[in-house]
């Protein structure tokens, strides 16, 4: 089988909900990293791209009708280049990369673009068609995150806990204290703040210009990090999802806007197009768990991945674990036998500080993992995420 190499990547800054990227459509957001990659590689024959695969979790608004195809056309890729959008909710961007890598490994593709995008700010309200004639009770759902158009049979079998409620369920089932969650969140903010100050994320971020009515705005950095966060401040936050509870706005990932894309190639394609492999996607694994504790999903996915690759955690140098909630991140790391402050886990912070635009986060953690391997001279990294409705996804990456 062929190797699937990561040759280059870039992402937008991640914007806060209602922040600097609030007026950027999701398809325009997705087009930006594609356009930047094209500008970086002007000699690459872009007609040779076999497919563009992007992850997107919502697809109910401006991200509808196959955002991958819309974005590649907006970016100026040749019309002959196809595009496909995948949806594994929070794991969509990582799934897109895994799908592209499989195509290359199998020999069905040689050169791929993959990543993800999400504008949670611009997620619309939706209403269904009437169930019967002359219905007078409209049903309206906010598509930003979580359940809508619930199937009553699924609800009866598994419940429809909201994402924060699943965080509370994990905290309760796995005995994760409020203090430990706040401490984890504080460490995430401190690590991200230090990384931002050192310019670490400039390795992966391409600034984006947002047109304004009177003046354009250049957005260069992630908006969500709060480096002035204190443990005392986190401890004062309310627990709005359960009383008594432990999950707060401070120990939870952000609701954000962002996009990212990576160039994947076989060894032959990299040579033909003058690309330099930076890392190899070795394998990916997914696993299912009960929806009410969806946050524990990365644990069986990582275990499955390690078993498939005949590796142990001792052989992993970096673990990029998407921080949907501090409770689930701690449940996963403890389930793996790691200390709460293991230096291999999110050494530059995670989604609690950086943000979590659902479809884009998988692409982001892979970029950050590759950068981290290059920074420390490491060999292997795992990127892993929990997924709504009860799943986990994990990917093994090796530096070339």
Protein backbone atom coordinates (compact mmCIF):
# COMPACT_ATOMS: atom_id res chain seq x y z
CA UNK A 1 0.00 0.00 0.00
CA UNK A 2 1.05 3.59 -0.61
CA UNK A 3 1.99 5.96 2.19
CA UNK A 4 -0.20 9.05 2.67
CA UNK A 5 1.90 12.08 3.51
CA UNK A 6 0.92 15.44 4.94
CA UNK A 7 2.86 17.95 2.86
CA UNK A 8 1.47 21.33 3.89
CA UNK A 9 -1.40 22.85 5.85
CA UNK A 10 -2.97 26.08 6.96
CA UNK A 11 -5.99 27.30 8.87
CA UNK A 12 -7.83 30.49 9.60
CA UNK A 13 -7.66 32.04 13.03
CA UNK A 14 -10.50 30.68 15.15
CA UNK A 15 -13.05 33.38 15.90
CA UNK A 16 -15.23 33.73 18.96
CA UNK A 17 -18.97 33.24 18.64
CA UNK A 18 -20.22 36.53 17.22
CA UNK A 19 -16.62 37.71 16.93
CA UNK A 20 -14.35 38.94 14.17
CA UNK A 21 -15.42 36.22 11.69
CA UNK A 22 -19.15 36.66 12.31
CA UNK A 23 -19.79 38.12 8.85
CA UNK A 24 -17.82 35.49 6.93
CA UNK A 25 -19.96 32.83 5.29
CA UNK A 26 -18.97 29.24 6.01
CA UNK A 27 -18.18 28.53 2.36
CA UNK A 28 -16.00 31.65 2.14
CA UNK A 29 -14.32 30.61 5.38
CA UNK A 30 -13.59 27.15 3.94
CA UNK A 31 -12.25 28.67 0.71
CA UNK A 32 -9.61 30.75 2.51
CA UNK A 33 -7.13 27.98 3.47
CA UNK A 34 -7.55 26.38 0.04
CA UNK A 35 -6.72 29.69 -1.62
CA UNK A 36 -3.67 30.15 0.62
CA UNK A 37 -2.35 26.69 -0.22
CA UNK A 38 -2.75 27.43 -3.93
CA UNK A 39 -0.79 30.66 -3.56
CA UNK A 40 2.00 28.85 -1.66
CA UNK A 41 2.41 26.27 -4.42
CA UNK A 42 2.04 28.13 -7.70
CA UNK A 43 3.83 25.43 -9.71
CA UNK A 44 1.60 22.60 -8.53
CA UNK A 45 -0.73 21.25 -11.20
CA UNK A 46 -3.99 21.81 -9.35
CA UNK A 47 -5.94 19.89 -12.00
CA UNK A 48 -4.15 16.80 -10.65
CA UNK A 49 -6.00 17.00 -7.32
CA UNK A 50 -8.09 13.83 -7.14
CA UNK A 51 -10.59 15.13 -4.59
CA UNK A 52 -11.24 17.73 -1.92
CA UNK A 53 -12.82 16.34 1.26
CA UNK A 54 -13.96 18.70 4.00
CA UNK A 55 -15.67 17.98 7.28
CA UNK A 56 -18.65 20.04 8.38
CA UNK A 57 -21.06 19.25 11.19
CA UNK A 58 -23.95 21.63 10.58
CA UNK A 59 -24.78 21.91 6.87
CA UNK A 60 -28.08 23.62 7.61
CA UNK A 61 -27.24 27.13 6.41
CA UNK A 62 -24.60 28.68 4.15
CA UNK A 63 -22.61 25.46 4.56
CA UNK A 64 -25.31 23.47 2.76
CA UNK A 65 -25.14 21.83 -0.67
CA UNK A 66 -21.68 20.28 -0.27
CA UNK A 67 -19.47 22.97 1.22
CA UNK A 68 -16.32 21.24 -0.09
CA UNK A 69 -17.38 21.69 -3.70
CA UNK A 70 -18.58 25.25 -3.07
CA UNK A 71 -15.34 26.18 -1.30
CA UNK A 72 -12.99 24.76 -3.93
CA UNK A 73 -14.81 26.68 -6.65
CA UNK A 74 -14.71 29.87 -4.58
CA UNK A 75 -10.99 29.32 -3.99
CA UNK A 76 -10.33 29.16 -7.71
CA UNK A 77 -9.44 25.49 -8.03
CA UNK A 78 -10.07 24.09 -11.53
CA UNK A 79 -13.67 23.14 -12.19
CA UNK A 80 -12.57 19.55 -12.93
CA UNK A 81 -11.57 19.07 -9.27
CA UNK A 82 -14.36 17.28 -7.34
CA UNK A 83 -15.34 17.80 -3.72
CA UNK A 84 -17.12 15.89 -1.00
CA UNK A 85 -18.34 16.84 2.49
CA UNK A 86 -18.31 14.37 5.38
CA UNK A 87 -20.15 14.62 8.68
CA UNK A 88 -19.01 12.85 11.81
CA UNK A 89 -20.13 15.82 13.90
CA UNK A 90 -17.19 17.03 16.05
CA UNK A 91 -14.87 14.52 14.38
CA UNK A 92 -15.72 15.58 10.82
CA UNK A 93 -12.42 17.27 9.99
CA UNK A 94 -10.39 14.33 11.31
CA UNK A 95 -12.63 11.90 9.44
CA UNK A 96 -12.08 13.89 6.23
CA UNK A 97 -8.31 13.49 6.64
CA UNK A 98 -8.64 9.80 7.36
CA UNK A 99 -10.86 9.28 4.33
CA UNK A 100 -8.40 11.12 2.07
CA UNK A 101 -5.48 9.14 3.48
CA UNK A 102 -7.27 5.84 2.86
CA UNK A 103 -7.84 6.79 -0.78
CA UNK A 104 -4.12 7.46 -1.20
CA UNK A 105 -3.03 4.33 0.66
CA UNK A 106 -5.34 2.18 -1.48
CA UNK A 107 -3.96 3.66 -4.69
CA UNK A 108 -7.27 5.17 -5.78
CA UNK A 109 -5.89 8.70 -5.34
CA UNK A 110 -2.49 10.36 -5.40
CA UNK A 111 -3.10 13.99 -4.44
CA UNK A 112 -5.84 15.17 -2.08
CA UNK A 113 -6.94 18.23 -0.15
CA UNK A 114 -8.69 17.60 3.14
CA UNK A 115 -9.79 19.53 6.23
CA UNK A 116 -12.91 21.09 7.60
CA UNK A 117 -14.91 24.22 8.28
CA UNK A 118 -17.61 25.53 10.58
CA UNK A 119 -19.28 28.86 11.19
CA UNK A 120 -21.18 28.35 14.42
CA UNK A 121 -22.02 32.04 14.61
CA UNK A 122 -23.89 31.88 11.31
CA UNK A 123 -25.69 28.58 12.01
CA UNK A 124 -29.35 29.31 11.21
CA UNK A 125 -32.62 28.68 12.94
CA UNK A 126 -34.61 26.03 11.06
CA UNK A 127 -38.22 24.96 11.00
CA UNK A 128 -39.63 21.68 9.63
CA UNK A 129 -42.42 21.25 7.16
CA UNK A 130 -45.82 20.72 8.75
CA UNK A 131 -46.66 17.16 9.77
CA UNK A 132 -50.28 17.61 8.79
CA UNK A 133 -52.43 20.01 6.82
CA UNK A 134 -53.29 23.33 8.45
CA UNK A 135 -50.80 22.82 11.28
CA UNK A 136 -50.52 25.91 13.49
CA UNK A 137 -47.69 24.96 15.86
CA UNK A 138 -44.37 25.82 14.24
CA UNK A 139 -41.27 24.01 15.53
CA UNK A 140 -38.03 26.00 15.50
CA UNK A 141 -34.53 24.76 16.24
CA UNK A 142 -31.21 26.57 16.70
CA UNK A 143 -28.66 24.61 14.65
CA UNK A 144 -25.56 25.99 16.37
CA UNK A 145 -24.97 22.75 18.27
CA UNK A 146 -26.86 19.75 19.56
CA UNK A 147 -30.06 17.89 18.84
CA UNK A 148 -32.89 18.96 16.56
CA UNK A 149 -35.76 17.07 14.93
CA UNK A 150 -35.40 14.39 17.59
CA UNK A 151 -36.50 10.85 16.75
CA UNK A 152 -38.76 9.79 19.62
CA UNK A 153 -37.63 6.16 19.37
CA UNK A 154 -33.98 7.15 19.69
CA UNK A 155 -34.87 9.43 22.60
CA UNK A 156 -36.64 6.56 24.35
CA UNK A 157 -33.66 4.24 23.86
CA UNK A 158 -30.71 6.54 24.50
CA UNK A 159 -31.98 9.93 25.64
CA UNK A 160 -31.08 13.24 24.05
CA UNK A 161 -28.72 14.77 26.59
CA UNK A 162 -27.30 18.09 25.49
CA UNK A 163 -23.53 18.32 25.03
CA UNK A 164 -23.01 20.03 28.44
CA UNK A 165 -25.21 17.40 30.05
CA UNK A 166 -22.98 14.68 28.61
CA UNK A 167 -20.04 16.49 30.18
CA UNK A 168 -21.83 16.37 33.52
CA UNK A 169 -22.62 12.67 33.00
CA UNK A 170 -18.95 11.89 32.39
CA UNK A 171 -17.92 13.91 35.45
CA UNK A 172 -20.38 11.98 37.59
CA UNK A 173 -19.72 8.50 36.17
CA UNK A 174 -15.93 8.86 36.23
CA UNK A 175 -15.67 10.91 39.44
CA UNK A 176 -14.06 14.02 37.94
CA UNK A 177 -14.20 16.86 40.46
CA UNK A 178 -14.99 20.49 39.68
CA UNK A 179 -11.58 21.53 40.97
CA UNK A 180 -9.76 19.10 38.69
CA UNK A 181 -11.79 20.29 35.72
CA UNK A 182 -11.01 23.92 36.48
CA UNK A 183 -7.33 23.12 36.95
CA UNK A 184 -7.26 21.34 33.57
CA UNK A 185 -8.99 24.32 31.91
CA UNK A 186 -6.57 26.77 33.54
CA UNK A 187 -3.58 24.77 32.29
CA UNK A 188 -5.06 24.80 28.79
CA UNK A 189 -5.38 28.59 28.89
CA UNK A 190 -1.86 29.05 30.25
CA UNK A 191 -0.30 26.75 27.64
CA UNK A 192 -2.18 28.42 24.80
CA UNK A 193 -1.30 31.87 26.11
CA UNK A 194 2.38 30.97 26.20
CA UNK A 195 2.22 29.46 22.72
CA UNK A 196 0.50 32.55 21.33
CA UNK A 197 3.04 34.84 22.94
CA UNK A 198 5.86 32.79 21.41
CA UNK A 199 4.27 32.93 17.96
CA UNK A 200 3.80 29.16 17.85
CA UNK A 201 0.48 29.24 16.03
CA UNK A 202 1.80 31.44 13.23
CA UNK A 203 3.14 28.15 11.82
CA UNK A 204 -0.42 27.09 11.01
CA UNK A 205 -2.53 30.28 10.80
CA UNK A 206 -3.07 32.33 7.65
CA UNK A 207 -4.56 35.74 8.53
CA UNK A 208 -7.87 36.52 6.87
CA UNK A 209 -9.21 39.91 5.81
CA UNK A 210 -12.85 40.46 6.72
CA UNK A 211 -14.56 43.10 4.55
CA UNK A 212 -16.38 45.82 6.48
CA UNK A 213 -18.86 48.53 5.56
CA UNK A 214 -16.23 51.26 6.00
CA UNK A 215 -12.96 49.48 6.71
CA UNK A 216 -11.64 45.94 6.29
CA UNK A 217 -10.36 44.04 9.33
CA UNK A 218 -7.32 41.78 9.29
CA UNK A 219 -7.80 38.85 11.69
CA UNK A 220 -4.41 37.33 12.52
CA UNK A 221 -4.81 35.41 15.79
CA UNK A 222 -7.23 33.06 17.54
CA UNK A 223 -9.78 35.13 19.44
CA UNK A 224 -10.92 32.64 22.03
CA UNK A 225 -7.88 32.26 24.34
CA UNK A 226 -8.08 34.06 27.68
CA UNK A 227 -4.52 34.10 29.07
CA UNK A 228 -5.64 36.22 32.02
CA UNK A 229 -7.78 33.34 33.33
CA UNK A 230 -7.27 32.51 37.00
CA UNK A 231 -8.24 29.49 39.04
CA UNK A 232 -10.16 31.77 41.36
CA UNK A 233 -12.13 33.18 38.43
CA UNK A 234 -12.92 29.74 37.10
CA UNK A 235 -14.11 28.61 40.52
CA UNK A 236 -16.62 31.48 40.65
CA UNK A 237 -18.39 30.50 37.44
CA UNK A 238 -21.88 29.06 37.70
CA UNK A 239 -22.83 25.52 36.70
CA UNK A 240 -25.89 26.23 34.55
CA UNK A 241 -26.40 22.70 33.25
CA UNK A 242 -26.95 20.83 36.52
CA UNK A 243 -27.46 21.72 40.16
CA UNK A 244 -25.27 20.67 41.77
CA UNK A 245 -22.96 20.42 38.80
CA UNK A 246 -19.36 20.82 37.71
CA UNK A 247 -19.43 21.90 34.03
CA UNK A 248 -19.10 25.64 33.41
CA UNK A 249 -18.41 27.97 30.51
CA UNK A 250 -14.81 28.11 31.72
CA UNK A 251 -14.03 24.39 31.61
CA UNK A 252 -15.78 23.78 28.29
CA UNK A 253 -14.66 24.25 24.69
CA UNK A 254 -15.71 27.39 22.89
CA UNK A 255 -18.39 27.84 20.23
CA UNK A 256 -16.36 29.16 17.33
CA UNK A 257 -15.83 29.87 13.65
CA UNK A 258 -12.91 28.59 11.59
CA UNK A 259 -11.58 26.43 8.76
CA UNK A 260 -8.45 24.53 7.82
CA UNK A 261 -7.04 22.46 4.97
CA UNK A 262 -4.11 20.10 4.38
CA UNK A 263 -2.36 18.79 1.27
CA UNK A 264 -2.04 14.99 1.29
CA UNK A 265 0.01 13.12 -1.30
CA UNK A 266 1.55 9.77 -2.09
CA UNK A 267 5.32 9.62 -2.35
CA UNK A 268 5.06 9.64 -6.14
CA UNK A 269 2.72 12.62 -6.21
CA UNK A 270 4.88 14.54 -3.73
CA UNK A 271 7.90 14.00 -6.00
CA UNK A 272 5.99 14.92 -9.16
CA UNK A 273 4.57 18.14 -7.71
CA UNK A 274 7.62 19.26 -5.75
CA UNK A 275 6.03 18.77 -2.34
CA UNK A 276 7.95 17.98 0.83
CA UNK A 277 6.36 15.34 3.10
CA UNK A 278 6.22 16.51 6.69
CA UNK A 279 4.36 13.63 8.31
CA UNK A 280 2.68 10.36 7.45
CA UNK A 281 -0.88 9.41 8.33
CA UNK A 282 -0.44 5.85 9.54
CA UNK A 283 -3.92 4.77 10.56
CA UNK A 284 -7.25 5.87 11.99
CA UNK A 285 -9.73 4.18 14.30
CA UNK A 286 -13.27 4.95 15.44
CA UNK A 287 -15.36 3.58 18.28
CA UNK A 288 -18.90 3.89 19.59
CA UNK A 289 -19.99 4.63 23.17
CA UNK A 290 -23.26 5.46 24.88
CA UNK A 291 -24.52 8.86 23.65
CA UNK A 292 -25.04 10.09 27.23
CA UNK A 293 -21.28 9.81 27.86
CA UNK A 294 -20.11 10.66 24.35
CA UNK A 295 -17.02 12.41 25.79
CA UNK A 296 -15.36 9.13 26.75
CA UNK A 297 -15.28 8.13 23.07
CA UNK A 298 -11.57 8.87 22.47
CA UNK A 299 -10.57 6.27 25.07
CA UNK A 300 -11.73 3.16 23.15
CA UNK A 301 -10.75 4.80 19.83
CA UNK A 302 -7.16 5.37 21.02
CA UNK A 303 -6.97 1.88 22.52
CA UNK A 304 -8.22 0.40 19.25
CA UNK A 305 -5.73 2.47 17.25
CA UNK A 306 -2.76 1.47 19.42
CA UNK A 307 -3.70 -2.20 19.23
CA UNK A 308 -4.06 -2.03 15.45
CA UNK A 309 -0.64 -0.41 15.12
CA UNK A 310 1.01 -2.66 17.75
CA UNK A 311 2.10 0.35 19.80
CA UNK A 312 1.90 1.46 23.42
CA UNK A 313 1.39 4.95 24.79
CA UNK A 314 5.05 4.99 25.80
CA UNK A 315 5.89 5.18 22.09
CA UNK A 316 3.72 8.28 21.53
CA UNK A 317 5.40 11.68 21.82
CA UNK A 318 2.40 14.00 21.40
CA UNK A 319 -1.29 13.47 22.18
CA UNK A 320 -3.59 16.12 20.74
CA UNK A 321 -6.86 15.44 22.53
CA UNK A 322 -9.71 17.75 21.59
CA UNK A 323 -11.00 19.35 24.79
CA UNK A 324 -14.76 19.33 24.38
CA UNK A 325 -15.04 19.41 28.17
CA UNK A 326 -12.39 19.21 30.84
CA UNK A 327 -14.41 16.39 32.42
CA UNK A 328 -14.21 14.16 29.36
CA UNK A 329 -10.57 15.00 28.63
CA UNK A 330 -9.62 13.97 32.17
CA UNK A 331 -11.75 10.83 32.00
CA UNK A 332 -9.95 9.84 28.80
CA UNK A 333 -6.42 10.58 30.01
CA UNK A 334 -7.03 8.83 33.33
CA UNK A 335 -8.52 5.88 31.45
CA UNK A 336 -5.26 5.72 29.50
CA UNK A 337 -3.28 5.71 32.75
CA UNK A 338 -1.84 9.20 32.24
CA UNK A 339 -1.28 11.90 34.82
CA UNK A 340 -3.59 14.91 34.60
CA UNK A 341 -0.64 17.11 33.63
CA UNK A 342 1.15 14.69 31.30
CA UNK A 343 3.34 17.01 29.18
CA UNK A 344 2.56 15.08 26.01
CA UNK A 345 -1.13 15.99 26.15
CA UNK A 346 -1.98 19.25 24.37
CA UNK A 347 1.39 20.89 25.10
CA UNK A 348 0.20 24.12 23.47
CA UNK A 349 -3.28 24.10 24.95
CA UNK A 350 -6.50 22.79 23.50
CA UNK A 351 -10.06 23.61 22.51
CA UNK A 352 -10.98 25.06 25.91
CA UNK A 353 -8.59 27.88 25.12
CA UNK A 354 -8.22 27.81 21.33
CA UNK A 355 -11.85 27.09 20.46
CA UNK A 356 -13.83 24.33 18.76
CA UNK A 357 -15.44 25.15 15.39
CA UNK A 358 -16.85 21.66 15.04
CA UNK A 359 -15.95 20.63 11.49
CA UNK A 360 -12.57 22.39 11.56
CA UNK A 361 -11.18 21.12 14.86
CA UNK A 362 -9.96 17.78 13.55
CA UNK A 363 -7.88 19.52 10.92
CA UNK A 364 -6.54 21.93 13.54
CA UNK A 365 -5.36 19.29 16.00
CA UNK A 366 -3.52 17.41 13.25
CA UNK A 367 -1.71 20.60 12.20
CA UNK A 368 -0.82 21.35 15.81
CA UNK A 369 0.37 17.78 16.31
CA UNK A 370 2.67 17.90 13.26
CA UNK A 371 4.06 21.25 14.38
CA UNK A 372 4.63 19.85 17.87
CA UNK A 373 6.52 16.82 16.53
CA UNK A 374 8.75 19.08 14.47
CA UNK A 375 9.25 21.41 17.42
CA UNK A 376 10.43 18.70 19.83
CA UNK A 377 11.97 16.31 17.31
CA UNK A 378 9.40 13.65 18.17
CA UNK A 379 8.32 10.74 16.00
CA UNK A 380 4.69 9.85 16.69
CA UNK A 381 1.52 11.72 17.60
CA UNK A 382 -2.08 10.79 18.18
CA UNK A 383 -4.93 13.17 17.37
CA UNK A 384 -8.21 12.17 19.00
CA UNK A 385 -11.69 13.57 19.54
CA UNK A 386 -15.00 12.73 21.12
CA UNK A 387 -18.03 12.87 18.85
CA UNK A 388 -21.67 13.73 19.55
CA UNK A 389 -24.23 10.88 19.66
CA UNK A 390 -21.55 8.68 21.22
CA UNK A 391 -18.37 8.11 19.21
CA UNK A 392 -14.62 8.54 19.39
CA UNK A 393 -12.07 8.98 16.62
CA UNK A 394 -8.28 8.76 16.74
CA UNK A 395 -5.47 9.07 14.19
CA UNK A 396 -1.81 8.07 14.34
CA UNK A 397 0.71 10.41 12.68
CA UNK A 398 4.43 9.85 12.19
CA UNK A 399 6.95 12.57 11.38
CA UNK A 400 8.95 11.87 8.23
